[in-house]
Amino acid sequence: MAKKNFKELLSKSQELLFVDFYADWCGPCQTMNPVVEEVIDSYEGKIKLLKIDVEKHPQLAQQFAVRSIPHYALFKRGKILWRKGGIMTKKDLAQYLKGFV
């Protein structure tokens, strides 16, 4: 995804956009994949999931100061509402997002 397309998607998105910064080789990222997908699915379309591979898009990782992965950010209309890195439990992730839905 080009930087321009990503910025456009962020600014035009009226819904919540959960961005998952990851890499295929990252063990913790692989551990979190089913957790993230299950939590996002539980919000029944109220939150859209966007996965960004930091290996393929290092400029986006740099732009959003992603220093370690997995790293997550929640956007609405181009603004970051919440961000957190590392492994989380399903309960914790759902609790973090609950306040924005």
C-alpha atoms as a PDB file:
ATOM      1  CA  MET A   1       0.000   0.000   0.000  1.00  0.00           C
ATOM      2  CA  ALA A   2       1.395   3.332  -1.007  1.00  0.00           C
ATOM      3  CA  LYS A   3       1.826   6.045   1.604  1.00  0.00           C
ATOM      4  CA  LYS A   4      -0.607   8.302  -0.275  1.00  0.00           C
ATOM      5  CA  ASN A   5      -3.287   5.575  -0.391  1.00  0.00           C
ATOM      6  CA  PHE A   6      -2.871   4.881   3.318  1.00  0.00           C
ATOM      7  CA  LYS A   7      -3.188   8.573   4.252  1.00  0.00           C
ATOM      8  CA  GLU A   8      -6.257   8.868   2.029  1.00  0.00           C
ATOM      9  CA  LEU A   9      -7.835   5.784   3.591  1.00  0.00           C
ATOM     10  CA  LEU A  10      -7.161   7.134   7.086  1.00  0.00           C
ATOM     11  CA  SER A  11      -8.567  10.588   6.395  1.00  0.00           C
ATOM     12  CA  LYS A  12     -11.679   9.393   4.561  1.00  0.00           C
ATOM     13  CA  SER A  13     -12.581   6.566   6.918  1.00  0.00           C
ATOM     14  CA  GLN A  14     -15.673   7.500   8.905  1.00  0.00           C
ATOM     15  CA  GLU A  15     -15.512   4.215  10.781  1.00  0.00           C
ATOM     16  CA  LEU A  16     -12.941   3.124  13.315  1.00  0.00           C
ATOM     17  CA  LEU A  17      -9.840   1.717  11.656  1.00  0.00           C
ATOM     18  CA  PHE A  18      -7.665  -0.677  13.667  1.00  0.00           C
ATOM     19  CA  VAL A  19      -4.184  -0.835  12.153  1.00  0.00           C
ATOM     20  CA  ASP A  20      -2.021  -3.854  12.954  1.00  0.00           C
ATOM     21  CA  PHE A  21       1.674  -3.204  12.235  1.00  0.00           C
ATOM     22  CA  TYR A  22       3.334  -6.626  11.917  1.00  0.00           C
ATOM     23  CA  ALA A  23       5.905  -8.751  10.081  1.00  0.00           C
ATOM     24  CA  ASP A  24       5.541 -12.329   8.846  1.00  0.00           C
ATOM     25  CA  TRP A  25       8.647 -13.472  10.742  1.00  0.00           C
ATOM     26  CA  CYS A  26       7.438 -12.014  14.066  1.00  0.00           C
ATOM     27  CA  GLY A  27       6.391 -14.725  16.540  1.00  0.00           C
ATOM     28  CA  PRO A  28       4.437 -12.402  18.859  1.00  0.00           C
ATOM     29  CA  CYS A  29       2.616 -11.008  15.798  1.00  0.00           C
ATOM     30  CA  GLN A  30       1.578 -14.541  14.801  1.00  0.00           C
ATOM     31  CA  THR A  31       0.425 -15.184  18.372  1.00  0.00           C
ATOM     32  CA  MET A  32      -1.716 -12.044  18.316  1.00  0.00           C
ATOM     33  CA  ASN A  33      -3.307 -12.613  14.882  1.00  0.00           C
ATOM     34  CA  PRO A  34      -6.207 -14.802  16.072  1.00  0.00           C
ATOM     35  CA  VAL A  35      -6.713 -12.598  19.150  1.00  0.00           C
ATOM     36  CA  VAL A  36      -6.935  -9.414  17.053  1.00  0.00           C
ATOM     37  CA  GLU A  37      -9.222 -11.002  14.460  1.00  0.00           C
ATOM     38  CA  GLU A  38     -11.571 -12.438  17.091  1.00  0.00           C
ATOM     39  CA  VAL A  39     -11.849  -9.142  18.982  1.00  0.00           C
ATOM     40  CA  ILE A  40     -12.370  -7.084  15.803  1.00  0.00           C
ATOM     41  CA  ASP A  41     -14.983  -9.598  14.568  1.00  0.00           C
ATOM     42  CA  SER A  42     -16.816  -9.306  17.891  1.00  0.00           C
ATOM     43  CA  TYR A  43     -17.525  -5.639  17.101  1.00  0.00           C
ATOM     44  CA  GLU A  44     -19.567  -6.741  14.078  1.00  0.00           C
ATOM     45  CA  GLY A  45     -18.261  -4.310  11.483  1.00  0.00           C
ATOM     46  CA  LYS A  46     -17.944  -1.286  13.773  1.00  0.00           C
ATOM     47  CA  ILE A  47     -14.149  -1.519  13.520  1.00  0.00           C
ATOM     48  CA  LYS A  48     -12.301  -2.188  10.268  1.00  0.00           C
ATOM     49  CA  LEU A  49      -8.994  -4.115  10.438  1.00  0.00           C
ATOM     50  CA  LEU A  50      -6.031  -3.032   8.329  1.00  0.00           C
ATOM     51  CA  LYS A  51      -2.778  -4.999   8.488  1.00  0.00           C
ATOM     52  CA  ILE A  52       0.478  -3.238   7.560  1.00  0.00           C
ATOM     53  CA  ASP A  53       3.589  -5.366   6.994  1.00  0.00           C
ATOM     54  CA  VAL A  54       6.454  -3.218   8.304  1.00  0.00           C
ATOM     55  CA  GLU A  55       8.926  -5.081   6.059  1.00  0.00           C
ATOM     56  CA  LYS A  56       7.017  -4.038   2.935  1.00  0.00           C
ATOM     57  CA  HIS A  57       6.080  -0.565   4.208  1.00  0.00           C
ATOM     58  CA  PRO A  58       8.913   0.699   6.421  1.00  0.00           C
ATOM     59  CA  GLN A  59       8.024   4.329   5.643  1.00  0.00           C
ATOM     60  CA  LEU A  60       4.593   3.885   7.265  1.00  0.00           C
ATOM     61  CA  ALA A  61       6.122   2.256  10.321  1.00  0.00           C
ATOM     62  CA  GLN A  62       8.554   5.152  10.583  1.00  0.00           C
ATOM     63  CA  GLN A  63       5.827   7.756  10.053  1.00  0.00           C
ATOM     64  CA  PHE A  64       3.837   6.359  12.977  1.00  0.00           C
ATOM     65  CA  ALA A  65       6.918   5.795  15.187  1.00  0.00           C
ATOM     66  CA  VAL A  66       6.501   2.030  15.298  1.00  0.00           C
ATOM     67  CA  ARG A  67       9.641   0.880  17.114  1.00  0.00           C
ATOM     68  CA  SER A  68       8.619  -2.687  17.883  1.00  0.00           C
ATOM     69  CA  ILE A  69       6.014  -5.132  16.646  1.00  0.00           C
ATOM     70  CA  PRO A  70       3.290  -6.087  17.053  1.00  0.00           C
ATOM     71  CA  HIS A  71       2.041  -2.525  17.323  1.00  0.00           C
ATOM     72  CA  TYR A  72      -1.559  -1.377  17.084  1.00  0.00           C
ATOM     73  CA  ALA A  73      -3.222   1.952  16.429  1.00  0.00           C
ATOM     74  CA  LEU A  74      -6.884   2.913  16.305  1.00  0.00           C
ATOM     75  CA  PHE A  75      -7.815   5.724  13.922  1.00  0.00           C
ATOM     76  CA  LYS A  76     -10.928   7.699  13.109  1.00  0.00           C
ATOM     77  CA  ARG A  77     -10.950  10.398  10.424  1.00  0.00           C
ATOM     78  CA  GLY A  78      -7.165  10.340  10.263  1.00  0.00           C
ATOM     79  CA  LYS A  79      -6.583  10.880  13.961  1.00  0.00           C
ATOM     80  CA  ILE A  80      -5.000   8.357  16.308  1.00  0.00           C
ATOM     81  CA  LEU A  81      -7.391   7.619  19.151  1.00  0.00           C
ATOM     82  CA  TRP A  82      -5.324   4.887  20.808  1.00  0.00           C
ATOM     83  CA  ARG A  83      -2.099   2.956  20.291  1.00  0.00           C
ATOM     84  CA  LYS A  84      -0.295   0.136  22.033  1.00  0.00           C
ATOM     85  CA  GLY A  85       2.460  -2.321  21.300  1.00  0.00           C
ATOM     86  CA  GLY A  86       3.130  -5.876  22.350  1.00  0.00           C
ATOM     87  CA  ILE A  87       1.118  -8.917  23.292  1.00  0.00           C
ATOM     88  CA  MET A  88      -2.253  -8.436  24.975  1.00  0.00           C
ATOM     89  CA  THR A  89      -4.941 -10.772  26.160  1.00  0.00           C
ATOM     90  CA  LYS A  90      -8.211 -10.908  24.261  1.00  0.00           C
ATOM     91  CA  LYS A  91      -9.931  -9.430  27.314  1.00  0.00           C
ATOM     92  CA  ASP A  92      -7.500  -6.497  27.536  1.00  0.00           C
ATOM     93  CA  LEU A  93      -7.732  -5.669  23.830  1.00  0.00           C
ATOM     94  CA  ALA A  94     -11.531  -5.807  23.897  1.00  0.00           C
ATOM     95  CA  GLN A  95     -11.538  -3.562  26.984  1.00  0.00           C
ATOM     96  CA  TYR A  96      -9.245  -0.987  25.320  1.00  0.00           C
ATOM     97  CA  LEU A  97     -11.443  -0.817  22.225  1.00  0.00           C
ATOM     98  CA  LYS A  98     -14.759  -0.853  24.071  1.00  0.00           C
ATOM     99  CA  GLY A  99     -14.466   2.805  25.001  1.00  0.00           C
ATOM    100  CA  PHE A 100     -14.271   3.872  21.338  1.00  0.00           C
ATOM    101  CA  VAL A 101     -17.157   1.863  19.868  1.00  0.00           C
END
